N, C-alpha and C. Protein backbone atom coordinates (compact mmCIF):
# COMPACT_ATOMS: atom_id res chain seq x y z
N MET A 1 -4.97 8.88 -12.09
CA MET A 1 -6.17 9.23 -11.38
C MET A 1 -6.74 7.98 -10.73
N VAL A 2 -7.03 8.07 -9.45
CA VAL A 2 -7.62 6.96 -8.71
C VAL A 2 -9.10 6.87 -9.07
N SER A 3 -9.57 5.65 -9.33
CA SER A 3 -10.96 5.41 -9.70
C SER A 3 -11.64 4.58 -8.62
N SER A 4 -12.88 4.21 -8.84
CA SER A 4 -13.62 3.39 -7.89
C SER A 4 -14.21 2.17 -8.59
N LEU A 5 -14.14 1.03 -7.93
CA LEU A 5 -14.76 -0.21 -8.38
C LEU A 5 -15.37 -0.89 -7.17
N ASN A 6 -16.30 -1.80 -7.42
CA ASN A 6 -16.92 -2.53 -6.32
C ASN A 6 -16.25 -3.90 -6.19
N PHE A 7 -15.46 -4.07 -5.12
CA PHE A 7 -14.88 -5.36 -4.78
C PHE A 7 -15.69 -5.92 -3.62
N GLY A 8 -16.18 -7.10 -3.71
CA GLY A 8 -16.85 -7.71 -2.56
C GLY A 8 -18.36 -7.71 -2.64
N GLY A 9 -18.96 -7.05 -3.60
CA GLY A 9 -20.40 -7.14 -3.79
C GLY A 9 -21.26 -6.34 -2.83
N ASP A 10 -20.68 -5.51 -1.98
CA ASP A 10 -21.52 -4.67 -1.12
C ASP A 10 -21.90 -3.40 -1.88
N ALA A 11 -22.59 -2.51 -1.24
CA ALA A 11 -23.05 -1.28 -1.91
C ALA A 11 -21.95 -0.23 -2.07
N ALA A 12 -20.84 -0.40 -1.36
CA ALA A 12 -19.78 0.62 -1.37
C ALA A 12 -18.75 0.36 -2.45
N ASN A 13 -18.35 1.41 -3.16
CA ASN A 13 -17.25 1.32 -4.11
C ASN A 13 -15.94 1.47 -3.36
N ASP A 14 -14.89 0.88 -3.92
CA ASP A 14 -13.57 0.89 -3.30
C ASP A 14 -12.57 1.58 -4.23
N GLN A 15 -11.59 2.25 -3.63
CA GLN A 15 -10.53 2.90 -4.40
C GLN A 15 -9.20 2.20 -4.24
N MET A 16 -9.15 1.19 -3.41
CA MET A 16 -7.94 0.40 -3.26
C MET A 16 -8.32 -1.04 -2.98
N PHE A 17 -7.34 -1.93 -3.14
CA PHE A 17 -7.56 -3.34 -2.86
C PHE A 17 -6.40 -3.88 -2.04
N VAL A 18 -6.68 -4.93 -1.27
CA VAL A 18 -5.67 -5.62 -0.47
C VAL A 18 -5.84 -7.11 -0.73
N ILE A 19 -4.75 -7.78 -1.10
CA ILE A 19 -4.78 -9.22 -1.35
C ILE A 19 -4.27 -9.91 -0.09
N THR A 20 -5.16 -10.62 0.60
CA THR A 20 -4.82 -11.20 1.90
C THR A 20 -4.55 -12.70 1.84
N SER A 21 -4.66 -13.32 0.67
CA SER A 21 -4.35 -14.75 0.57
C SER A 21 -3.66 -15.03 -0.76
N GLY A 22 -2.91 -16.12 -0.79
CA GLY A 22 -2.24 -16.52 -2.01
C GLY A 22 -0.88 -15.88 -2.22
N GLY A 23 -0.42 -15.08 -1.30
CA GLY A 23 0.88 -14.43 -1.42
C GLY A 23 1.57 -14.36 -0.08
N THR A 24 2.73 -13.75 -0.07
CA THR A 24 3.42 -13.58 1.20
C THR A 24 2.84 -12.37 1.91
N GLY A 25 3.17 -12.22 3.13
CA GLY A 25 2.72 -11.04 3.88
C GLY A 25 1.69 -11.38 4.92
N SER A 26 1.71 -10.59 5.99
CA SER A 26 0.78 -10.82 7.08
C SER A 26 0.29 -9.52 7.70
N ILE A 27 0.78 -8.39 7.23
CA ILE A 27 0.44 -7.10 7.84
C ILE A 27 -0.50 -6.34 6.90
N GLY A 28 -1.65 -5.98 7.42
CA GLY A 28 -2.64 -5.26 6.63
C GLY A 28 -2.52 -3.75 6.76
N LEU A 29 -3.31 -3.05 6.00
CA LEU A 29 -3.35 -1.59 6.08
C LEU A 29 -4.37 -1.16 7.13
N ALA A 30 -3.99 -0.21 7.95
CA ALA A 30 -4.90 0.34 8.94
C ALA A 30 -5.72 1.47 8.34
N SER A 31 -5.08 2.26 7.45
CA SER A 31 -5.80 3.38 6.85
C SER A 31 -5.09 3.86 5.59
N ALA A 32 -5.85 4.57 4.79
CA ALA A 32 -5.32 5.26 3.61
C ALA A 32 -6.01 6.62 3.59
N ARG A 33 -5.24 7.69 3.58
CA ARG A 33 -5.80 9.04 3.64
C ARG A 33 -5.18 9.90 2.55
N GLN A 34 -6.02 10.53 1.74
CA GLN A 34 -5.54 11.39 0.67
C GLN A 34 -5.70 12.86 1.04
N THR A 35 -4.63 13.62 0.85
CA THR A 35 -4.63 15.06 1.01
C THR A 35 -4.05 15.65 -0.26
N ARG A 36 -4.89 16.30 -1.06
CA ARG A 36 -4.51 16.79 -2.37
C ARG A 36 -3.88 15.66 -3.19
N GLY A 37 -2.66 15.80 -3.67
CA GLY A 37 -2.04 14.80 -4.52
C GLY A 37 -1.22 13.76 -3.79
N THR A 38 -1.33 13.70 -2.45
CA THR A 38 -0.55 12.77 -1.66
C THR A 38 -1.47 11.79 -0.95
N ILE A 39 -1.11 10.50 -0.98
CA ILE A 39 -1.87 9.48 -0.26
C ILE A 39 -0.94 8.88 0.78
N ARG A 40 -1.40 8.86 2.03
CA ARG A 40 -0.61 8.31 3.13
C ARG A 40 -1.23 6.99 3.56
N PHE A 41 -0.44 5.92 3.52
CA PHE A 41 -0.87 4.60 3.93
C PHE A 41 -0.25 4.29 5.28
N THR A 42 -1.05 3.79 6.21
CA THR A 42 -0.56 3.40 7.53
C THR A 42 -0.84 1.91 7.71
N PHE A 43 0.17 1.17 8.14
CA PHE A 43 0.02 -0.27 8.35
C PHE A 43 -0.49 -0.55 9.76
N LYS A 44 -1.13 -1.71 9.94
CA LYS A 44 -1.68 -2.10 11.25
C LYS A 44 -0.58 -2.34 12.28
N SER A 45 0.59 -2.76 11.83
CA SER A 45 1.75 -2.92 12.70
C SER A 45 2.99 -2.64 11.86
N PRO A 46 4.14 -2.44 12.48
CA PRO A 46 5.34 -2.12 11.71
C PRO A 46 5.72 -3.22 10.73
N VAL A 47 6.22 -2.83 9.57
CA VAL A 47 6.77 -3.75 8.58
C VAL A 47 8.28 -3.73 8.80
N CYS A 48 8.84 -4.85 9.23
CA CYS A 48 10.24 -4.89 9.63
C CYS A 48 11.06 -5.82 8.76
N GLY A 49 12.19 -5.33 8.27
CA GLY A 49 13.11 -6.17 7.51
C GLY A 49 13.81 -7.15 8.44
N GLY A 50 14.32 -8.24 7.90
CA GLY A 50 14.97 -9.24 8.72
C GLY A 50 16.36 -9.56 8.20
N THR A 51 17.03 -10.44 8.92
CA THR A 51 18.35 -10.92 8.52
C THR A 51 18.16 -12.23 7.76
N SER A 52 19.26 -12.85 7.34
CA SER A 52 19.14 -14.11 6.62
C SER A 52 18.54 -15.21 7.49
N GLU A 53 18.77 -15.16 8.82
CA GLU A 53 18.19 -16.17 9.72
C GLU A 53 16.72 -15.88 10.00
N LYS A 54 16.38 -14.63 10.11
CA LYS A 54 15.00 -14.23 10.42
C LYS A 54 14.47 -13.44 9.24
N LYS A 55 13.36 -13.87 8.71
CA LYS A 55 12.87 -13.29 7.47
C LYS A 55 12.19 -11.94 7.63
N GLY A 56 11.89 -11.51 8.83
CA GLY A 56 11.23 -10.23 9.02
C GLY A 56 9.74 -10.32 8.74
N ASP A 57 9.09 -9.19 8.61
CA ASP A 57 7.66 -9.11 8.37
C ASP A 57 7.41 -8.38 7.07
N SER A 58 6.33 -8.70 6.41
CA SER A 58 5.98 -8.00 5.18
C SER A 58 4.48 -7.73 5.16
N SER A 59 4.10 -6.79 4.33
CA SER A 59 2.68 -6.43 4.22
C SER A 59 2.00 -7.31 3.18
N PHE A 60 0.68 -7.34 3.24
CA PHE A 60 -0.09 -7.93 2.16
C PHE A 60 0.17 -7.11 0.90
N PHE A 61 -0.08 -7.70 -0.27
CA PHE A 61 -0.01 -6.93 -1.52
C PHE A 61 -1.23 -6.02 -1.57
N TRP A 62 -1.04 -4.78 -2.01
CA TRP A 62 -2.15 -3.83 -2.06
C TRP A 62 -1.90 -2.86 -3.20
N GLY A 63 -2.96 -2.20 -3.63
CA GLY A 63 -2.83 -1.24 -4.72
C GLY A 63 -4.03 -0.34 -4.84
N LEU A 64 -3.91 0.63 -5.73
CA LEU A 64 -4.99 1.59 -5.99
C LEU A 64 -5.72 1.21 -7.27
N VAL A 65 -6.99 1.53 -7.33
CA VAL A 65 -7.81 1.25 -8.51
C VAL A 65 -7.68 2.41 -9.49
N SER A 66 -7.45 2.07 -10.77
CA SER A 66 -7.35 3.10 -11.79
C SER A 66 -7.75 2.51 -13.14
N LEU A 67 -8.37 3.31 -13.96
CA LEU A 67 -8.70 2.90 -15.32
C LEU A 67 -7.55 3.18 -16.27
N GLU A 68 -6.52 3.86 -15.80
CA GLU A 68 -5.34 4.23 -16.59
C GLU A 68 -4.17 3.32 -16.22
N PRO A 69 -3.19 3.18 -17.13
CA PRO A 69 -1.99 2.39 -16.79
C PRO A 69 -1.16 3.09 -15.73
N PRO A 70 -0.35 2.33 -14.98
CA PRO A 70 0.47 2.96 -13.94
C PRO A 70 1.62 3.77 -14.53
N LYS A 71 2.16 4.64 -13.69
CA LYS A 71 3.35 5.42 -14.06
C LYS A 71 4.38 5.29 -12.94
N ASP A 72 5.63 5.53 -13.26
CA ASP A 72 6.71 5.49 -12.27
C ASP A 72 6.65 6.77 -11.43
N ILE A 73 6.81 6.61 -10.12
CA ILE A 73 6.85 7.75 -9.21
C ILE A 73 7.96 7.54 -8.17
N THR A 74 8.18 8.52 -7.36
CA THR A 74 9.04 8.42 -6.19
C THR A 74 8.14 8.46 -4.96
N ALA A 75 8.31 7.49 -4.07
CA ALA A 75 7.52 7.45 -2.84
C ALA A 75 8.43 7.66 -1.64
N LEU A 76 7.87 8.15 -0.56
CA LEU A 76 8.59 8.32 0.70
C LEU A 76 8.09 7.31 1.70
N LEU A 77 9.00 6.57 2.33
CA LEU A 77 8.66 5.64 3.39
C LEU A 77 9.17 6.22 4.70
N HIS A 78 8.27 6.37 5.65
CA HIS A 78 8.64 6.94 6.95
C HIS A 78 8.64 5.82 7.99
N GLU A 79 9.78 5.60 8.61
CA GLU A 79 9.89 4.59 9.66
C GLU A 79 9.32 5.12 10.96
N THR A 80 8.98 4.18 11.84
CA THR A 80 8.45 4.54 13.15
C THR A 80 9.42 5.44 13.91
N ARG A 81 10.71 5.19 13.74
CA ARG A 81 11.72 5.98 14.45
C ARG A 81 12.18 7.18 13.66
N ARG A 82 11.36 7.64 12.72
CA ARG A 82 11.52 8.89 11.98
C ARG A 82 12.50 8.89 10.82
N ALA A 83 13.15 7.79 10.51
CA ALA A 83 13.99 7.75 9.31
C ALA A 83 13.07 7.76 8.09
N THR A 84 13.49 8.40 7.02
CA THR A 84 12.71 8.47 5.78
C THR A 84 13.55 7.92 4.64
N HIS A 85 12.90 7.13 3.77
CA HIS A 85 13.56 6.54 2.62
C HIS A 85 12.84 6.95 1.35
N VAL A 86 13.59 7.28 0.31
CA VAL A 86 13.04 7.60 -1.00
C VAL A 86 13.13 6.32 -1.83
N VAL A 87 11.98 5.85 -2.35
CA VAL A 87 11.96 4.59 -3.10
C VAL A 87 11.19 4.76 -4.41
N LYS A 88 11.48 3.87 -5.35
CA LYS A 88 10.73 3.85 -6.61
C LYS A 88 9.40 3.14 -6.35
N ALA A 89 8.35 3.61 -7.00
CA ALA A 89 7.02 3.01 -6.85
C ALA A 89 6.24 3.18 -8.14
N ARG A 90 5.06 2.62 -8.20
CA ARG A 90 4.14 2.77 -9.33
C ARG A 90 2.85 3.37 -8.80
N SER A 91 2.23 4.22 -9.61
CA SER A 91 1.02 4.93 -9.19
C SER A 91 0.09 5.11 -10.38
N PRO A 92 -1.22 5.23 -10.12
CA PRO A 92 -2.12 5.59 -11.21
C PRO A 92 -1.78 6.98 -11.74
N LYS A 93 -2.06 7.20 -13.02
CA LYS A 93 -1.83 8.53 -13.62
C LYS A 93 -2.65 9.58 -12.94
């Protein structure tokens, strides 16, 4: 179950966090939208894999707020050109 905490000291509670410093990555999240039991995350620009010469692009580290421990799930990654990948992920209970 996704919970809410206050990150940043403003009046609004947050249900997710994004770590923008101290790690790898340069691409942020543009939006997160929940419809029933599914959450769709959209990045500000494409996240692209690279070759050994070119490292590609990666996203900032991000996650959901929960008071419960995570559980293993299956996530779907949809590429801009419509390919879909099934990957292992972690999610709040």
